[in-house]
Amino acid sequence: MMMGGIVDSSTDYSAPALTEGIAQVVAVEGDMAWLVPESGTSCGGCSSAAACGSKGIGTVASRLEQRRFQMVNDAGLKIGERVVVGVSENAVLRASLIAYAIPLATLLVSGGMAQWAAGHDFITMGAMLVGLVFGLWLSRVRAGQMMARGELAPRFIRRASMGETCNLE
């Protein structure tokens, strides 16, 4: 952007947008740091709170343990530090499509083909079940490929400032 003869290059439009969150370092093992995501102020108030882990059955410690994730510690993070981490929005969108669209598509295609070929509801239901299982397996394989390429790995953005919270608006 041009401002009075000065070019402002602070915004890099070529870089992919990141979904950001705040996490706290709970352990450091060699060149890896273990982090636990912090819940935002609106976390726990939505209809999906039980599914995302902010509420549910069990102790707080066990829920936090399930949400721990690992990240390469290039920034020299120490236990107790709060950091801002991010995952590419494109990767999150692709992972969502893989998790939901592939099983749904294989279920519908196999059911449609079975109904066309056999015309019997029991055979169609069986084919849909087989299609769903195949779709879930295929989704798992594709998600594993994304993980192996590091597309879903969180990236260190910066250390969180005092009082900084996750902006969910």
C-alpha atoms as a PDB file:
ATOM      1  CA  MET A   1       0.000   0.000   0.000  1.00  0.00           C
ATOM      2  CA  MET A   2       1.363   3.453  -0.872  1.00  0.00           C
ATOM      3  CA  MET A   3       1.203   6.076   1.898  1.00  0.00           C
ATOM      4  CA  GLY A   4       2.645   9.491   1.081  1.00  0.00           C
ATOM      5  CA  GLY A   5       5.448   8.044  -1.030  1.00  0.00           C
ATOM      6  CA  ILE A   6       6.225   5.309   1.496  1.00  0.00           C
ATOM      7  CA  VAL A   7       5.382   1.713   0.693  1.00  0.00           C
ATOM      8  CA  ASP A   8       3.796  -0.159   3.599  1.00  0.00           C
ATOM      9  CA  SER A   9       4.872  -3.793   3.240  1.00  0.00           C
ATOM     10  CA  SER A  10       3.687  -4.949   6.675  1.00  0.00           C
ATOM     11  CA  THR A  11       0.830  -6.975   5.191  1.00  0.00           C
ATOM     12  CA  ASP A  12       1.962 -10.000   3.212  1.00  0.00           C
ATOM     13  CA  TYR A  13      -0.985 -11.028   1.039  1.00  0.00           C
ATOM     14  CA  SER A  14       0.941 -13.937  -0.486  1.00  0.00           C
ATOM     15  CA  ALA A  15       1.231 -15.728   2.876  1.00  0.00           C
ATOM     16  CA  PRO A  16      -1.658 -18.048   3.756  1.00  0.00           C
ATOM     17  CA  ALA A  17      -3.986 -16.833   6.500  1.00  0.00           C
ATOM     18  CA  LEU A  18      -3.609 -18.588   9.816  1.00  0.00           C
ATOM     19  CA  THR A  19      -6.181 -19.654  12.358  1.00  0.00           C
ATOM     20  CA  GLU A  20      -4.584 -18.464  15.591  1.00  0.00           C
ATOM     21  CA  GLY A  21      -4.934 -19.543  19.180  1.00  0.00           C
ATOM     22  CA  ILE A  22      -3.152 -19.084  22.476  1.00  0.00           C
ATOM     23  CA  ALA A  23      -1.469 -22.001  24.201  1.00  0.00           C
ATOM     24  CA  GLN A  24       0.637 -22.470  27.309  1.00  0.00           C
ATOM     25  CA  VAL A  25       3.888 -24.422  27.377  1.00  0.00           C
ATOM     26  CA  VAL A  26       3.532 -27.268  29.884  1.00  0.00           C
ATOM     27  CA  ALA A  27       6.669 -29.306  29.125  1.00  0.00           C
ATOM     28  CA  VAL A  28       9.885 -29.094  27.128  1.00  0.00           C
ATOM     29  CA  GLU A  29      11.644 -32.272  25.973  1.00  0.00           C
ATOM     30  CA  GLY A  30      14.764 -31.661  23.919  1.00  0.00           C
ATOM     31  CA  ASP A  31      13.818 -29.657  20.834  1.00  0.00           C
ATOM     32  CA  MET A  32      10.072 -30.267  21.307  1.00  0.00           C
ATOM     33  CA  ALA A  33       7.604 -28.297  23.426  1.00  0.00           C
ATOM     34  CA  TRP A  34       4.283 -29.633  24.723  1.00  0.00           C
ATOM     35  CA  LEU A  35       1.479 -27.086  24.770  1.00  0.00           C
ATOM     36  CA  VAL A  36      -2.106 -26.946  26.025  1.00  0.00           C
ATOM     37  CA  PRO A  37      -4.520 -24.603  24.248  1.00  0.00           C
ATOM     38  CA  GLU A  38      -6.230 -21.998  26.389  1.00  0.00           C
ATOM     39  CA  SER A  39      -9.993 -21.685  26.173  1.00  0.00           C
ATOM     40  CA  GLY A  40     -11.234 -18.328  24.947  1.00  0.00           C
ATOM     41  CA  THR A  41     -13.730 -16.265  26.898  1.00  0.00           C
ATOM     42  CA  SER A  42     -16.601 -17.559  24.794  1.00  0.00           C
ATOM     43  CA  CYS A  43     -15.465 -21.185  24.942  1.00  0.00           C
ATOM     44  CA  GLY A  44     -17.880 -23.392  26.783  1.00  0.00           C
ATOM     45  CA  GLY A  45     -20.886 -21.271  25.929  1.00  0.00           C
ATOM     46  CA  CYS A  46     -21.683 -22.671  22.504  1.00  0.00           C
ATOM     47  CA  SER A  47     -23.709 -25.717  21.534  1.00  0.00           C
ATOM     48  CA  SER A  48     -20.519 -27.623  20.586  1.00  0.00           C
ATOM     49  CA  ALA A  49     -18.780 -27.111  23.930  1.00  0.00           C
ATOM     50  CA  ALA A  50     -19.070 -30.751  24.977  1.00  0.00           C
ATOM     51  CA  ALA A  51     -17.564 -31.965  21.700  1.00  0.00           C
ATOM     52  CA  CYS A  52     -14.580 -29.602  21.639  1.00  0.00           C
ATOM     53  CA  GLY A  53     -13.388 -30.535  25.120  1.00  0.00           C
ATOM     54  CA  SER A  54     -14.125 -27.374  27.069  1.00  0.00           C
ATOM     55  CA  LYS A  55     -16.848 -29.182  29.022  1.00  0.00           C
ATOM     56  CA  GLY A  56     -17.507 -32.817  29.534  1.00  0.00           C
ATOM     57  CA  ILE A  57     -17.047 -35.850  31.717  1.00  0.00           C
ATOM     58  CA  GLY A  58     -13.828 -36.372  33.657  1.00  0.00           C
ATOM     59  CA  THR A  59     -11.391 -34.258  35.560  1.00  0.00           C
ATOM     60  CA  VAL A  60      -9.954 -31.001  34.289  1.00  0.00           C
ATOM     61  CA  ALA A  61      -6.481 -32.573  34.237  1.00  0.00           C
ATOM     62  CA  SER A  62      -7.604 -35.470  32.048  1.00  0.00           C
ATOM     63  CA  ARG A  63      -9.337 -33.112  29.588  1.00  0.00           C
ATOM     64  CA  LEU A  64      -6.240 -30.911  29.354  1.00  0.00           C
ATOM     65  CA  GLU A  65      -4.054 -33.987  28.857  1.00  0.00           C
ATOM     66  CA  GLN A  66      -6.186 -35.010  25.874  1.00  0.00           C
ATOM     67  CA  ARG A  67      -5.785 -31.570  24.276  1.00  0.00           C
ATOM     68  CA  ARG A  68      -1.970 -31.407  24.599  1.00  0.00           C
ATOM     69  CA  PHE A  69      -0.031 -31.055  21.372  1.00  0.00           C
ATOM     70  CA  GLN A  70       3.602 -31.025  20.390  1.00  0.00           C
ATOM     71  CA  MET A  71       5.496 -28.341  18.493  1.00  0.00           C
ATOM     72  CA  VAL A  72       9.115 -27.896  17.450  1.00  0.00           C
ATOM     73  CA  ASN A  73      10.748 -25.552  19.969  1.00  0.00           C
ATOM     74  CA  ASP A  74      12.774 -23.328  17.628  1.00  0.00           C
ATOM     75  CA  ALA A  75      11.971 -20.231  19.718  1.00  0.00           C
ATOM     76  CA  GLY A  76      13.492 -21.537  22.963  1.00  0.00           C
ATOM     77  CA  LEU A  77      10.173 -21.693  24.802  1.00  0.00           C
ATOM     78  CA  LYS A  78      10.124 -22.337  28.532  1.00  0.00           C
ATOM     79  CA  ILE A  79       7.523 -23.997  30.765  1.00  0.00           C
ATOM     80  CA  GLY A  80       4.745 -21.598  31.731  1.00  0.00           C
ATOM     81  CA  GLU A  81       5.096 -19.261  28.747  1.00  0.00           C
ATOM     82  CA  ARG A  82       1.996 -18.313  26.779  1.00  0.00           C
ATOM     83  CA  VAL A  83       2.391 -18.284  23.013  1.00  0.00           C
ATOM     84  CA  VAL A  84       0.300 -17.586  19.944  1.00  0.00           C
ATOM     85  CA  VAL A  85       0.253 -20.536  17.546  1.00  0.00           C
ATOM     86  CA  GLY A  86      -1.387 -20.848  14.159  1.00  0.00           C
ATOM     87  CA  VAL A  87      -2.495 -23.403  11.602  1.00  0.00           C
ATOM     88  CA  SER A  88      -3.087 -22.523   7.956  1.00  0.00           C
ATOM     89  CA  GLU A  89      -6.777 -21.807   7.282  1.00  0.00           C
ATOM     90  CA  ASN A  90      -6.466 -23.707   3.993  1.00  0.00           C
ATOM     91  CA  ALA A  91      -5.205 -26.782   5.842  1.00  0.00           C
ATOM     92  CA  VAL A  92      -8.075 -26.574   8.345  1.00  0.00           C
ATOM     93  CA  LEU A  93     -10.588 -26.305   5.495  1.00  0.00           C
ATOM     94  CA  ARG A  94      -9.024 -29.236   3.601  1.00  0.00           C
ATOM     95  CA  ALA A  95      -8.933 -31.355   6.764  1.00  0.00           C
ATOM     96  CA  SER A  96     -12.626 -30.611   7.380  1.00  0.00           C
ATOM     97  CA  LEU A  97     -13.503 -31.595   3.833  1.00  0.00           C
ATOM     98  CA  ILE A  98     -11.493 -34.791   4.149  1.00  0.00           C
ATOM     99  CA  ALA A  99     -13.146 -35.674   7.467  1.00  0.00           C
ATOM    100  CA  TYR A 100     -16.718 -35.028   6.347  1.00  0.00           C
ATOM    101  CA  ALA A 101     -17.013 -34.936   2.557  1.00  0.00           C
ATOM    102  CA  ILE A 102     -15.133 -38.139   1.688  1.00  0.00           C
ATOM    103  CA  PRO A 103     -17.167 -40.466   3.965  1.00  0.00           C
ATOM    104  CA  LEU A 104     -20.419 -38.788   2.931  1.00  0.00           C
ATOM    105  CA  ALA A 105     -19.561 -38.996  -0.775  1.00  0.00           C
ATOM    106  CA  THR A 106     -18.554 -42.665  -0.626  1.00  0.00           C
ATOM    107  CA  LEU A 107     -21.700 -43.484   1.372  1.00  0.00           C
ATOM    108  CA  LEU A 108     -23.975 -41.761  -1.160  1.00  0.00           C
ATOM    109  CA  VAL A 109     -22.199 -43.041  -4.282  1.00  0.00           C
ATOM    110  CA  SER A 110     -22.132 -46.643  -3.064  1.00  0.00           C
ATOM    111  CA  GLY A 111     -25.781 -46.427  -2.004  1.00  0.00           C
ATOM    112  CA  GLY A 112     -26.818 -44.910  -5.319  1.00  0.00           C
ATOM    113  CA  MET A 113     -24.927 -47.525  -7.324  1.00  0.00           C
ATOM    114  CA  ALA A 114     -26.401 -50.359  -5.241  1.00  0.00           C
ATOM    115  CA  GLN A 115     -29.919 -48.999  -5.604  1.00  0.00           C
ATOM    116  CA  TRP A 116     -29.448 -48.627  -9.361  1.00  0.00           C
ATOM    117  CA  ALA A 117     -27.921 -52.108  -9.750  1.00  0.00           C
ATOM    118  CA  ALA A 118     -29.986 -54.147  -7.268  1.00  0.00           C
ATOM    119  CA  GLY A 119     -33.019 -52.008  -6.493  1.00  0.00           C
ATOM    120  CA  HIS A 120     -33.410 -53.591  -3.058  1.00  0.00           C
ATOM    121  CA  ASP A 121     -33.325 -51.506   0.123  1.00  0.00           C
ATOM    122  CA  PHE A 122     -31.454 -54.079   2.227  1.00  0.00           C
ATOM    123  CA  ILE A 123     -28.651 -54.331  -0.362  1.00  0.00           C
ATOM    124  CA  THR A 124     -28.557 -50.548  -0.669  1.00  0.00           C
ATOM    125  CA  MET A 125     -28.203 -50.143   3.108  1.00  0.00           C
ATOM    126  CA  GLY A 126     -25.377 -52.698   3.173  1.00  0.00           C
ATOM    127  CA  ALA A 127     -23.613 -50.961   0.314  1.00  0.00           C
ATOM    128  CA  MET A 128     -23.977 -47.615   2.076  1.00  0.00           C
ATOM    129  CA  LEU A 129     -22.436 -49.060   5.232  1.00  0.00           C
ATOM    130  CA  VAL A 130     -19.522 -50.476   3.212  1.00  0.00           C
ATOM    131  CA  GLY A 131     -19.176 -47.099   1.456  1.00  0.00           C
ATOM    132  CA  LEU A 132     -19.105 -45.279   4.789  1.00  0.00           C
ATOM    133  CA  VAL A 133     -16.435 -47.590   6.223  1.00  0.00           C
ATOM    134  CA  PHE A 134     -14.364 -47.225   3.047  1.00  0.00           C
ATOM    135  CA  GLY A 135     -14.778 -43.427   3.188  1.00  0.00           C
ATOM    136  CA  LEU A 136     -13.679 -43.292   6.821  1.00  0.00           C
ATOM    137  CA  TRP A 137     -10.611 -45.389   6.002  1.00  0.00           C
ATOM    138  CA  LEU A 138      -9.800 -43.176   2.998  1.00  0.00           C
ATOM    139  CA  SER A 139     -10.212 -40.050   5.144  1.00  0.00           C
ATOM    140  CA  ARG A 140      -7.831 -41.444   7.705  1.00  0.00           C
ATOM    141  CA  VAL A 141      -5.229 -42.180   5.024  1.00  0.00           C
ATOM    142  CA  ARG A 142      -5.541 -38.660   3.545  1.00  0.00           C
ATOM    143  CA  ALA A 143      -5.371 -37.032   6.990  1.00  0.00           C
ATOM    144  CA  GLY A 144      -2.249 -39.085   7.735  1.00  0.00           C
ATOM    145  CA  GLN A 145      -0.680 -37.781   4.518  1.00  0.00           C
ATOM    146  CA  MET A 146      -1.468 -34.206   5.546  1.00  0.00           C
ATOM    147  CA  MET A 147       0.080 -34.817   8.966  1.00  0.00           C
ATOM    148  CA  ALA A 148       3.188 -36.401   7.424  1.00  0.00           C
ATOM    149  CA  ARG A 149       3.674 -33.319   5.227  1.00  0.00           C
ATOM    150  CA  GLY A 150       3.283 -31.092   8.296  1.00  0.00           C
ATOM    151  CA  GLU A 151       0.253 -29.247   6.917  1.00  0.00           C
ATOM    152  CA  LEU A 152      -1.688 -29.574  10.170  1.00  0.00           C
ATOM    153  CA  ALA A 153       1.233 -28.889  12.488  1.00  0.00           C
ATOM    154  CA  PRO A 154       0.832 -25.737  14.589  1.00  0.00           C
ATOM    155  CA  ARG A 155       3.402 -23.018  13.999  1.00  0.00           C
ATOM    156  CA  PHE A 156       4.859 -20.632  16.543  1.00  0.00           C
ATOM    157  CA  ILE A 157       3.841 -17.064  15.708  1.00  0.00           C
ATOM    158  CA  ARG A 158       4.900 -15.038  18.763  1.00  0.00           C
ATOM    159  CA  ARG A 159       4.907 -14.965  22.520  1.00  0.00           C
ATOM    160  CA  ALA A 160       1.542 -13.808  23.871  1.00  0.00           C
ATOM    161  CA  SER A 161       1.490 -10.453  25.591  1.00  0.00           C
ATOM    162  CA  MET A 162       0.220 -10.109  29.145  1.00  0.00           C
ATOM    163  CA  GLY A 163      -3.581 -10.265  29.211  1.00  0.00           C
ATOM    164  CA  GLU A 164      -3.874 -11.249  25.521  1.00  0.00           C
ATOM    165  CA  THR A 165      -6.829 -13.513  24.838  1.00  0.00           C
ATOM    166  CA  CYS A 166      -8.111 -15.491  21.917  1.00  0.00           C
ATOM    167  CA  ASN A 167     -10.295 -13.252  19.722  1.00  0.00           C
ATOM    168  CA  LEU A 168     -13.185 -15.328  18.483  1.00  0.00           C
ATOM    169  CA  GLU A 169     -15.376 -12.540  17.087  1.00  0.00           C
END
